[in-house]
Structures are given as C-alpha cells and as structure tokens.
Amino acid sequence: MSLATAQFRVSGVRGGSSIFQCLEREWRRISCSAVMTTRSQVWAAAEPVLAGLPGAGAMVSLVTWERRRPSNYGYRVLAALLRQASDPLAARALLQALLPRIQAERLVTTRYGQGPSDDWLRLTDAMADLVGECFAAIRRHAGEHRDDVARLVLQEATRKLRTERQAQRRYKEHTSVLLPDHARHVSADLWVARSGAEWLAAALVEAVRSSRLTRTEARLVYEARVKGLPASEVGRRAGMQPRAVYYALARAEQSLLRTAS
C-alpha cells in the first residue's frame, strides 16, 4: 500500500457507512495480510515493547483506553508505533489504535465552528475530516520520540479542524446573501477575507446590499469567478443566452472595479 493510497483511504471515505466502519473493515483486511505481517516484524525488531507479538493486530489490541487516556502499556505501544510511522503501514496501525479516542471526541460544539443548530455541516463529515487530520498529524510526527502520542495527535488535529470550520462559517456568512431565495442580508467585513475568492464573495454581498448590483448579477459573478463555472453553464442555469451572459458579467465586474478603485 502506497502512502498516497493510505491517505486517500483515511481522509476520503464517504457514503452510507461511517468513517469508523469503513476503517474497521479495511483493518480486518490488511492487518492479516502478508505484507503487514512482514513489516510488523521489522517494527518488533526495532521496538522492545513490540517484540514477540505475532502481528500488527496484536500490537493494536494492546492499546486499551481508560476514558480518554490509554493504559500505561498503551502509552508505550503508541510511542513505538509513532517512531515507526515513516512506514505508512505503521502509521495506519497507529491510527487504528487511536480510533476509540478519536471517536470519543465531541465535535458538536461551537469551538469547532459548528453548533448543534448548524445544519450546513453533517457530523459524519466533520468526524471523517478529524480522522484525516489525525492521520496527517501522525505522518508529520513520524519517527519522533513522544510520550503522549494520543494527546499530541488529537490536539494538533482538532486545532486544525477548528480553524477550517471557523473559516467555513465565515465564508458561509459572507455568501449567504447570494443564495437563491435567501431573504436574510448579512454584513461582510472585507478586511478579514483570507483569499481572493473570499474577498470577491464578500464584495458581491456589499454590492447587493448597496444596490450597485442586483442579486442576479451578483450570482452570475459568484458562479463564474468564485465557483469557477464556465460562462455557458452560468448562463444555462440563469436561463440567459450566451451573449447576454458575457455582457452581464462584464457590466457587473466593471461596477465592482469602479467601486474598488
């Protein structure tokens, strides 16, 4: 299994099953494979705490949890797997050992940029993103000597997830006025935009609020310049002829440029 494949499987699982169900099925398949057995013997030779164990499955099963903390022996196993995590399969084994702790993380809180009333983000997607961030943290710290691996990985992963969720919330607030049939107007602070696309989206909101652009014109620019749709597709969605779309886009963009200057 290549590193790219391992990263895709960890961070890209979607569908009817939860990320944890998908990872458990994958682990049952790969933990007893010939390549995993061979590689786990290499880790056992390098790490005394893993010596004599028959394979990766046995290594992971040694990590037990007392609420959110691993047992004393579990600390040592996690640390050993992190030291060997330059091997993608060791990183995958470490992730498997951490899954009970990851699953216990409470994501439906405002500190992750998502509250119980936020229906724009599914909890299953947020948890899948957290698993992906944990795997990325494992790979970043592979080979390091760390005593509290679970705390290191979870703190780094949740910090990145909070930052991303807060950016998504800001982006949603900036662009909600552009959504069809959305009656609520929100204020947008152009100075806190972090990207060109986000700045443009915020500028469009302000243009609609100040009546410099109609909502239809703003949506045309948003779909073409922020979402990156071809002008022909933008016109088809708006029920406009191609020539009319290009004219409307040019006029709207000129209005924004005049305001910016």
C-alpha atoms as a PDB file:
ATOM      1  CA  MET A   1       0.000   0.000   0.000  1.00  0.00           C
ATOM      2  CA  SER A   2       1.470   3.365  -1.005  1.00  0.00           C
ATOM      3  CA  LEU A   3       1.385   6.410   1.236  1.00  0.00           C
ATOM      4  CA  ALA A   4      -0.929   8.158  -1.236  1.00  0.00           C
ATOM      5  CA  THR A   5      -3.327   5.209  -1.104  1.00  0.00           C
ATOM      6  CA  ALA A   6      -3.278   5.153   2.686  1.00  0.00           C
ATOM      7  CA  GLN A   7      -4.002   8.886   2.897  1.00  0.00           C
ATOM      8  CA  PHE A   8      -6.881   8.598   0.439  1.00  0.00           C
ATOM      9  CA  ARG A   9      -8.484   5.757   2.314  1.00  0.00           C
ATOM     10  CA  VAL A  10      -8.267   7.540   5.621  1.00  0.00           C
ATOM     11  CA  SER A  11      -9.416  11.005   4.613  1.00  0.00           C
ATOM     12  CA  GLY A  12     -11.657  10.283   1.627  1.00  0.00           C
ATOM     13  CA  VAL A  13     -14.163   7.698   2.850  1.00  0.00           C
ATOM     14  CA  ARG A  14     -17.752   8.764   2.317  1.00  0.00           C
ATOM     15  CA  GLY A  15     -21.048   7.034   1.777  1.00  0.00           C
ATOM     16  CA  GLY A  16     -23.658   5.269   3.854  1.00  0.00           C
ATOM     17  CA  SER A  17     -21.161   3.798   6.311  1.00  0.00           C
ATOM     18  CA  SER A  18     -19.372   5.852   8.922  1.00  0.00           C
ATOM     19  CA  ILE A  19     -15.668   6.517   8.633  1.00  0.00           C
ATOM     20  CA  PHE A  20     -15.099   4.159  11.561  1.00  0.00           C
ATOM     21  CA  GLN A  21     -16.991   1.290   9.965  1.00  0.00           C
ATOM     22  CA  CYS A  22     -15.024   1.735   6.766  1.00  0.00           C
ATOM     23  CA  LEU A  23     -11.715   1.799   8.615  1.00  0.00           C
ATOM     24  CA  GLU A  24     -12.609  -1.264  10.675  1.00  0.00           C
ATOM     25  CA  ARG A  25     -13.412  -3.215   7.513  1.00  0.00           C
ATOM     26  CA  GLU A  26     -10.158  -2.086   5.933  1.00  0.00           C
ATOM     27  CA  TRP A  27      -8.201  -3.002   9.065  1.00  0.00           C
ATOM     28  CA  ARG A  28      -9.658  -6.512   9.171  1.00  0.00           C
ATOM     29  CA  ARG A  29      -8.471  -6.963   5.597  1.00  0.00           C
ATOM     30  CA  ILE A  30      -4.967  -5.530   5.819  1.00  0.00           C
ATOM     31  CA  SER A  31      -3.974  -6.453   9.386  1.00  0.00           C
ATOM     32  CA  CYS A  32      -3.583 -10.118   8.474  1.00  0.00           C
ATOM     33  CA  SER A  33      -2.051  -9.557   5.040  1.00  0.00           C
ATOM     34  CA  ALA A  34       1.389 -10.947   4.216  1.00  0.00           C
ATOM     35  CA  VAL A  35       2.907  -7.510   3.694  1.00  0.00           C
ATOM     36  CA  MET A  36       1.590  -6.259   7.044  1.00  0.00           C
ATOM     37  CA  THR A  37       2.968  -9.342   8.803  1.00  0.00           C
ATOM     38  CA  THR A  38       6.394  -8.816   7.255  1.00  0.00           C
ATOM     39  CA  ARG A  39       6.509  -5.117   8.073  1.00  0.00           C
ATOM     40  CA  SER A  40       5.290  -5.590  11.639  1.00  0.00           C
ATOM     41  CA  GLN A  41       8.204  -7.966  12.234  1.00  0.00           C
ATOM     42  CA  VAL A  42      10.526  -5.103  11.299  1.00  0.00           C
ATOM     43  CA  TRP A  43       8.850  -2.804  13.852  1.00  0.00           C
ATOM     44  CA  ALA A  44       9.008  -5.523  16.516  1.00  0.00           C
ATOM     45  CA  ALA A  45      12.732  -5.959  15.927  1.00  0.00           C
ATOM     46  CA  ALA A  46      13.293  -2.219  16.418  1.00  0.00           C
ATOM     47  CA  GLU A  47      10.935  -1.714  19.377  1.00  0.00           C
ATOM     48  CA  PRO A  48      11.333  -3.869  22.512  1.00  0.00           C
ATOM     49  CA  VAL A  49       7.762  -3.172  23.614  1.00  0.00           C
ATOM     50  CA  LEU A  50       6.533  -4.815  20.398  1.00  0.00           C
ATOM     51  CA  ALA A  51       8.931  -7.778  20.492  1.00  0.00           C
ATOM     52  CA  GLY A  52       7.375 -11.223  20.294  1.00  0.00           C
ATOM     53  CA  LEU A  53       3.992 -10.023  19.050  1.00  0.00           C
ATOM     54  CA  PRO A  54       2.591 -12.016  16.114  1.00  0.00           C
ATOM     55  CA  GLY A  55       1.496  -9.024  14.038  1.00  0.00           C
ATOM     56  CA  ALA A  56       0.010  -5.541  13.793  1.00  0.00           C
ATOM     57  CA  GLY A  57      -3.389  -6.717  15.035  1.00  0.00           C
ATOM     58  CA  ALA A  58      -1.865  -7.856  18.304  1.00  0.00           C
ATOM     59  CA  MET A  59       0.011  -4.562  18.641  1.00  0.00           C
ATOM     60  CA  VAL A  60      -3.161  -2.522  18.244  1.00  0.00           C
ATOM     61  CA  SER A  61      -5.121  -4.740  20.629  1.00  0.00           C
ATOM     62  CA  LEU A  62      -2.597  -3.943  23.380  1.00  0.00           C
ATOM     63  CA  VAL A  63      -3.760  -0.312  23.404  1.00  0.00           C
ATOM     64  CA  THR A  64      -6.678  -0.138  25.800  1.00  0.00           C
ATOM     65  CA  TRP A  65      -8.381   3.045  26.963  1.00  0.00           C
ATOM     66  CA  GLU A  66      -9.435   4.353  30.336  1.00  0.00           C
ATOM     67  CA  ARG A  67     -11.949   7.013  29.350  1.00  0.00           C
ATOM     68  CA  ARG A  68      -9.884   9.237  27.061  1.00  0.00           C
ATOM     69  CA  ARG A  69      -6.449   8.110  28.127  1.00  0.00           C
ATOM     70  CA  PRO A  70      -4.565   4.972  27.119  1.00  0.00           C
ATOM     71  CA  SER A  71      -3.417   2.438  29.669  1.00  0.00           C
ATOM     72  CA  ASN A  72       0.184   2.604  30.877  1.00  0.00           C
ATOM     73  CA  TYR A  73       1.222  -0.124  28.436  1.00  0.00           C
ATOM     74  CA  GLY A  74      -0.813   1.576  25.723  1.00  0.00           C
ATOM     75  CA  TYR A  75       1.308   4.714  26.060  1.00  0.00           C
ATOM     76  CA  ARG A  76       4.404   2.688  25.230  1.00  0.00           C
ATOM     77  CA  VAL A  77       2.840   0.932  22.250  1.00  0.00           C
ATOM     78  CA  LEU A  78       1.578   4.204  20.766  1.00  0.00           C
ATOM     79  CA  ALA A  79       5.014   5.780  21.191  1.00  0.00           C
ATOM     80  CA  ALA A  80       6.669   2.797  19.498  1.00  0.00           C
ATOM     81  CA  LEU A  81       4.278   2.925  16.541  1.00  0.00           C
ATOM     82  CA  LEU A  82       4.884   6.667  16.115  1.00  0.00           C
ATOM     83  CA  ARG A  83       8.648   6.046  15.973  1.00  0.00           C
ATOM     84  CA  GLN A  84       7.995   3.562  13.147  1.00  0.00           C
ATOM     85  CA  ALA A  85       5.342   5.681  11.403  1.00  0.00           C
ATOM     86  CA  SER A  86       7.594   6.644   8.491  1.00  0.00           C
ATOM     87  CA  ASP A  87       6.298   3.282   7.258  1.00  0.00           C
ATOM     88  CA  PRO A  88       2.743   4.042   6.028  1.00  0.00           C
ATOM     89  CA  LEU A  89       1.505   0.726   7.401  1.00  0.00           C
ATOM     90  CA  ALA A  90       2.825   1.567  10.867  1.00  0.00           C
ATOM     91  CA  ALA A  91       1.074   4.935  10.588  1.00  0.00           C
ATOM     92  CA  ARG A  92      -2.117   3.106   9.660  1.00  0.00           C
ATOM     93  CA  ALA A  93      -1.711   0.764  12.640  1.00  0.00           C
ATOM     94  CA  LEU A  94      -1.241   3.762  14.935  1.00  0.00           C
ATOM     95  CA  LEU A  95      -4.370   5.383  13.539  1.00  0.00           C
ATOM     96  CA  GLN A  96      -6.287   2.172  14.197  1.00  0.00           C
ATOM     97  CA  ALA A  97      -5.099   2.152  17.800  1.00  0.00           C
ATOM     98  CA  LEU A  98      -6.240   5.774  18.210  1.00  0.00           C
ATOM     99  CA  LEU A  99      -9.725   5.291  16.725  1.00  0.00           C
ATOM    100  CA  PRO A 100     -11.514   4.772  20.083  1.00  0.00           C
ATOM    101  CA  ARG A 101     -10.051   8.057  21.322  1.00  0.00           C
ATOM    102  CA  ILE A 102     -10.915   9.893  18.080  1.00  0.00           C
ATOM    103  CA  GLN A 103     -14.462   8.580  18.168  1.00  0.00           C
ATOM    104  CA  ALA A 104     -14.878   9.908  21.714  1.00  0.00           C
ATOM    105  CA  GLU A 105     -14.101  13.492  20.634  1.00  0.00           C
ATOM    106  CA  ARG A 106     -17.137  15.784  20.962  1.00  0.00           C
ATOM    107  CA  LEU A 107     -17.408  17.702  17.706  1.00  0.00           C
ATOM    108  CA  VAL A 108     -20.890  19.189  18.078  1.00  0.00           C
ATOM    109  CA  THR A 109     -19.645  22.247  19.957  1.00  0.00           C
ATOM    110  CA  THR A 110     -19.168  25.830  18.919  1.00  0.00           C
ATOM    111  CA  ARG A 111     -15.399  25.625  19.463  1.00  0.00           C
ATOM    112  CA  TYR A 112     -15.212  23.582  16.269  1.00  0.00           C
ATOM    113  CA  GLY A 113     -17.113  26.223  14.344  1.00  0.00           C
ATOM    114  CA  GLN A 114     -20.222  24.039  14.403  1.00  0.00           C
ATOM    115  CA  GLY A 115     -23.005  24.102  16.928  1.00  0.00           C
ATOM    116  CA  PRO A 116     -25.937  21.752  17.478  1.00  0.00           C
ATOM    117  CA  SER A 117     -28.191  24.016  15.391  1.00  0.00           C
ATOM    118  CA  ASP A 118     -25.871  24.172  12.369  1.00  0.00           C
ATOM    119  CA  ASP A 119     -27.457  22.095   9.632  1.00  0.00           C
ATOM    120  CA  TRP A 120     -24.940  23.093   6.929  1.00  0.00           C
ATOM    121  CA  LEU A 121     -22.346  20.549   8.074  1.00  0.00           C
ATOM    122  CA  ARG A 122     -23.005  16.895   8.766  1.00  0.00           C
ATOM    123  CA  LEU A 123     -21.390  15.491  11.886  1.00  0.00           C
ATOM    124  CA  THR A 124     -20.308  12.405   9.924  1.00  0.00           C
ATOM    125  CA  ASP A 125     -18.347  14.625   7.538  1.00  0.00           C
ATOM    126  CA  ALA A 126     -16.753  16.538  10.405  1.00  0.00           C
ATOM    127  CA  MET A 127     -15.698  13.278  12.063  1.00  0.00           C
ATOM    128  CA  ALA A 128     -14.244  11.986   8.787  1.00  0.00           C
ATOM    129  CA  ASP A 129     -12.270  15.220   8.481  1.00  0.00           C
ATOM    130  CA  LEU A 130     -10.988  14.765  12.035  1.00  0.00           C
ATOM    131  CA  VAL A 131      -9.790  11.251  11.226  1.00  0.00           C
ATOM    132  CA  GLY A 132      -7.990  12.607   8.164  1.00  0.00           C
ATOM    133  CA  GLU A 133      -6.325  15.345  10.233  1.00  0.00           C
ATOM    134  CA  CYS A 134      -5.216  12.773  12.816  1.00  0.00           C
ATOM    135  CA  PHE A 135      -3.588  10.656  10.124  1.00  0.00           C
ATOM    136  CA  ALA A 136      -1.870  13.739   8.720  1.00  0.00           C
ATOM    137  CA  ALA A 137      -0.568  14.592  12.214  1.00  0.00           C
ATOM    138  CA  ILE A 138       0.793  11.064  12.587  1.00  0.00           C
ATOM    139  CA  ARG A 139       2.670  11.389   9.314  1.00  0.00           C
ATOM    140  CA  ARG A 140       4.068  14.795  10.267  1.00  0.00           C
ATOM    141  CA  HIS A 141       5.479  13.477  13.547  1.00  0.00           C
ATOM    142  CA  ALA A 142       6.613  10.085  12.238  1.00  0.00           C
ATOM    143  CA  GLY A 143       9.927   8.993  13.739  1.00  0.00           C
ATOM    144  CA  GLU A 144       9.695  11.318  16.744  1.00  0.00           C
ATOM    145  CA  HIS A 145      10.091  10.188  20.355  1.00  0.00           C
ATOM    146  CA  ARG A 146       6.902  11.302  22.116  1.00  0.00           C
ATOM    147  CA  ASP A 147       5.488  10.126  25.422  1.00  0.00           C
ATOM    148  CA  ASP A 148       1.841  11.153  24.993  1.00  0.00           C
ATOM    149  CA  VAL A 149       1.087  10.357  21.353  1.00  0.00           C
ATOM    150  CA  ALA A 150      -2.694  10.434  21.722  1.00  0.00           C
ATOM    151  CA  ARG A 151      -2.659  13.937  23.155  1.00  0.00           C
ATOM    152  CA  LEU A 152      -0.188  15.168  20.518  1.00  0.00           C
ATOM    153  CA  VAL A 153      -2.227  13.837  17.589  1.00  0.00           C
ATOM    154  CA  LEU A 154      -5.670  14.863  18.882  1.00  0.00           C
ATOM    155  CA  GLN A 155      -4.643  18.361  19.916  1.00  0.00           C
ATOM    156  CA  GLU A 156      -2.996  19.082  16.583  1.00  0.00           C
ATOM    157  CA  ALA A 157      -5.842  17.588  14.570  1.00  0.00           C
ATOM    158  CA  THR A 158      -8.629  19.333  16.483  1.00  0.00           C
ATOM    159  CA  ARG A 159      -6.812  22.670  16.296  1.00  0.00           C
ATOM    160  CA  LYS A 160      -6.612  22.425  12.506  1.00  0.00           C
ATOM    161  CA  LEU A 161     -10.237  21.306  12.284  1.00  0.00           C
ATOM    162  CA  ARG A 162     -11.409  24.264  14.393  1.00  0.00           C
ATOM    163  CA  THR A 163      -9.523  26.676  12.122  1.00  0.00           C
ATOM    164  CA  GLU A 164     -11.042  25.146   8.992  1.00  0.00           C
ATOM    165  CA  ARG A 165     -14.569  25.093  10.429  1.00  0.00           C
ATOM    166  CA  GLN A 166     -14.346  28.711  11.529  1.00  0.00           C
ATOM    167  CA  ALA A 167     -13.187  29.713   8.044  1.00  0.00           C
ATOM    168  CA  GLN A 168     -16.105  27.795   6.535  1.00  0.00           C
ATOM    169  CA  ARG A 169     -18.544  29.541   8.851  1.00  0.00           C
ATOM    170  CA  ARG A 170     -17.144  32.948   7.908  1.00  0.00           C
ATOM    171  CA  TYR A 171     -17.374  32.050   4.233  1.00  0.00           C
ATOM    172  CA  LYS A 172     -20.989  30.930   4.651  1.00  0.00           C
ATOM    173  CA  GLU A 173     -21.872  34.174   6.386  1.00  0.00           C
ATOM    174  CA  HIS A 174     -20.210  36.210   3.653  1.00  0.00           C
ATOM    175  CA  THR A 175     -22.010  34.456   0.819  1.00  0.00           C
ATOM    176  CA  SER A 176     -25.433  33.655   2.275  1.00  0.00           C
ATOM    177  CA  VAL A 177     -26.953  36.717   0.612  1.00  0.00           C
ATOM    178  CA  LEU A 178     -26.075  35.199  -2.776  1.00  0.00           C
ATOM    179  CA  LEU A 179     -28.040  32.010  -2.227  1.00  0.00           C
ATOM    180  CA  PRO A 180     -31.329  31.727  -4.154  1.00  0.00           C
ATOM    181  CA  ASP A 181     -34.455  32.604  -2.189  1.00  0.00           C
ATOM    182  CA  HIS A 182     -32.462  33.672   0.834  1.00  0.00           C
ATOM    183  CA  ALA A 183     -34.094  36.703   2.390  1.00  0.00           C
ATOM    184  CA  ARG A 184     -31.564  37.489   5.112  1.00  0.00           C
ATOM    185  CA  HIS A 185     -28.866  40.085   4.392  1.00  0.00           C
ATOM    186  CA  VAL A 186     -25.691  39.799   6.413  1.00  0.00           C
ATOM    187  CA  SER A 187     -22.850  42.221   6.875  1.00  0.00           C
ATOM    188  CA  ALA A 188     -19.448  41.367   5.415  1.00  0.00           C
ATOM    189  CA  ASP A 189     -16.114  42.642   6.632  1.00  0.00           C
ATOM    190  CA  LEU A 190     -13.833  42.774   3.602  1.00  0.00           C
ATOM    191  CA  TRP A 191     -10.750  43.223   5.747  1.00  0.00           C
ATOM    192  CA  VAL A 192     -10.974  39.751   7.289  1.00  0.00           C
ATOM    193  CA  ALA A 193     -11.179  37.898   3.958  1.00  0.00           C
ATOM    194  CA  ARG A 194      -8.277  35.484   3.611  1.00  0.00           C
ATOM    195  CA  SER A 195      -8.338  34.706  -0.113  1.00  0.00           C
ATOM    196  CA  GLY A 196      -9.147  36.362  -3.403  1.00  0.00           C
ATOM    197  CA  ALA A 197     -12.255  34.236  -3.826  1.00  0.00           C
ATOM    198  CA  GLU A 198     -13.480  35.090  -0.342  1.00  0.00           C
ATOM    199  CA  TRP A 199     -12.785  38.784  -0.861  1.00  0.00           C
ATOM    200  CA  LEU A 200     -14.770  38.736  -4.111  1.00  0.00           C
ATOM    201  CA  ALA A 201     -17.677  36.921  -2.475  1.00  0.00           C
ATOM    202  CA  ALA A 202     -17.736  39.499   0.325  1.00  0.00           C
ATOM    203  CA  ALA A 203     -17.503  42.344  -2.189  1.00  0.00           C
ATOM    204  CA  LEU A 204     -20.523  40.926  -4.028  1.00  0.00           C
ATOM    205  CA  VAL A 205     -22.516  40.851  -0.797  1.00  0.00           C
ATOM    206  CA  GLU A 206     -21.711  44.506  -0.187  1.00  0.00           C
ATOM    207  CA  ALA A 207     -22.579  45.385  -3.780  1.00  0.00           C
ATOM    208  CA  VAL A 208     -26.020  43.795  -3.420  1.00  0.00           C
ATOM    209  CA  ARG A 209     -26.662  45.498  -0.093  1.00  0.00           C
ATOM    210  CA  SER A 210     -25.756  48.890  -1.518  1.00  0.00           C
ATOM    211  CA  SER A 211     -27.844  48.259  -4.687  1.00  0.00           C
ATOM    212  CA  ARG A 212     -24.840  48.551  -7.009  1.00  0.00           C
ATOM    213  CA  LEU A 213     -25.618  45.061  -8.294  1.00  0.00           C
ATOM    214  CA  THR A 214     -28.791  43.058  -8.465  1.00  0.00           C
ATOM    215  CA  ARG A 215     -28.904  39.667  -6.804  1.00  0.00           C
ATOM    216  CA  THR A 216     -28.993  38.054 -10.256  1.00  0.00           C
ATOM    217  CA  GLU A 217     -25.872  39.908 -11.379  1.00  0.00           C
ATOM    218  CA  ALA A 218     -24.059  39.022  -8.166  1.00  0.00           C
ATOM    219  CA  ARG A 219     -24.920  35.356  -8.556  1.00  0.00           C
ATOM    220  CA  LEU A 220     -23.608  35.401 -12.122  1.00  0.00           C
ATOM    221  CA  VAL A 221     -20.239  36.759 -10.984  1.00  0.00           C
ATOM    222  CA  TYR A 222     -20.173  34.436  -7.968  1.00  0.00           C
ATOM    223  CA  GLU A 223     -20.763  31.302 -10.021  1.00  0.00           C
ATOM    224  CA  ALA A 224     -18.299  32.306 -12.742  1.00  0.00           C
ATOM    225  CA  ARG A 225     -15.456  33.804 -10.693  1.00  0.00           C
ATOM    226  CA  VAL A 226     -15.744  32.178  -7.260  1.00  0.00           C
ATOM    227  CA  LYS A 227     -17.159  28.750  -8.072  1.00  0.00           C
ATOM    228  CA  GLY A 228     -15.289  28.669 -11.392  1.00  0.00           C
ATOM    229  CA  LEU A 229     -18.180  27.533 -13.596  1.00  0.00           C
ATOM    230  CA  PRO A 230     -17.943  28.179 -17.364  1.00  0.00           C
ATOM    231  CA  ALA A 231     -19.937  31.195 -18.502  1.00  0.00           C
ATOM    232  CA  SER A 232     -22.037  28.938 -20.723  1.00  0.00           C
ATOM    233  CA  GLU A 233     -23.062  26.864 -17.693  1.00  0.00           C
ATOM    234  CA  VAL A 234     -23.751  30.014 -15.672  1.00  0.00           C
ATOM    235  CA  GLY A 235     -25.987  31.264 -18.465  1.00  0.00           C
ATOM    236  CA  ARG A 236     -27.799  27.940 -18.758  1.00  0.00           C
ATOM    237  CA  ARG A 237     -28.599  27.976 -15.037  1.00  0.00           C
ATOM    238  CA  ALA A 238     -29.839  31.563 -15.270  1.00  0.00           C
ATOM    239  CA  GLY A 239     -31.825  30.941 -18.457  1.00  0.00           C
ATOM    240  CA  MET A 240     -29.792  33.512 -20.411  1.00  0.00           C
ATOM    241  CA  GLN A 241     -28.365  33.488 -23.904  1.00  0.00           C
ATOM    242  CA  PRO A 242     -24.531  33.191 -24.076  1.00  0.00           C
ATOM    243  CA  ARG A 243     -24.060  36.723 -25.408  1.00  0.00           C
ATOM    244  CA  ALA A 244     -26.280  38.155 -22.696  1.00  0.00           C
ATOM    245  CA  VAL A 245     -24.314  36.293 -20.024  1.00  0.00           C
ATOM    246  CA  TYR A 246     -20.974  37.684 -21.160  1.00  0.00           C
ATOM    247  CA  TYR A 247     -22.418  41.198 -21.335  1.00  0.00           C
ATOM    248  CA  ALA A 248     -23.967  40.925 -17.856  1.00  0.00           C
ATOM    249  CA  LEU A 249     -20.727  39.545 -16.392  1.00  0.00           C
ATOM    250  CA  ALA A 250     -18.645  42.315 -17.938  1.00  0.00           C
ATOM    251  CA  ARG A 251     -21.010  45.010 -16.706  1.00  0.00           C
ATOM    252  CA  ALA A 252     -21.133  43.608 -13.175  1.00  0.00           C
ATOM    253  CA  GLU A 253     -17.366  43.260 -12.967  1.00  0.00           C
ATOM    254  CA  GLN A 254     -16.856  46.815 -14.230  1.00  0.00           C
ATOM    255  CA  SER A 255     -19.173  48.035 -11.498  1.00  0.00           C
ATOM    256  CA  LEU A 256     -17.144  46.192  -8.863  1.00  0.00           C
ATOM    257  CA  LEU A 257     -13.869  47.567 -10.254  1.00  0.00           C
ATOM    258  CA  ARG A 258     -15.174  51.123 -10.201  1.00  0.00           C
ATOM    259  CA  THR A 259     -16.112  50.667  -6.557  1.00  0.00           C
ATOM    260  CA  ALA A 260     -12.735  49.156  -5.679  1.00  0.00           C
ATOM    261  CA  SER A 261     -10.826  51.982  -7.323  1.00  0.00           C
END
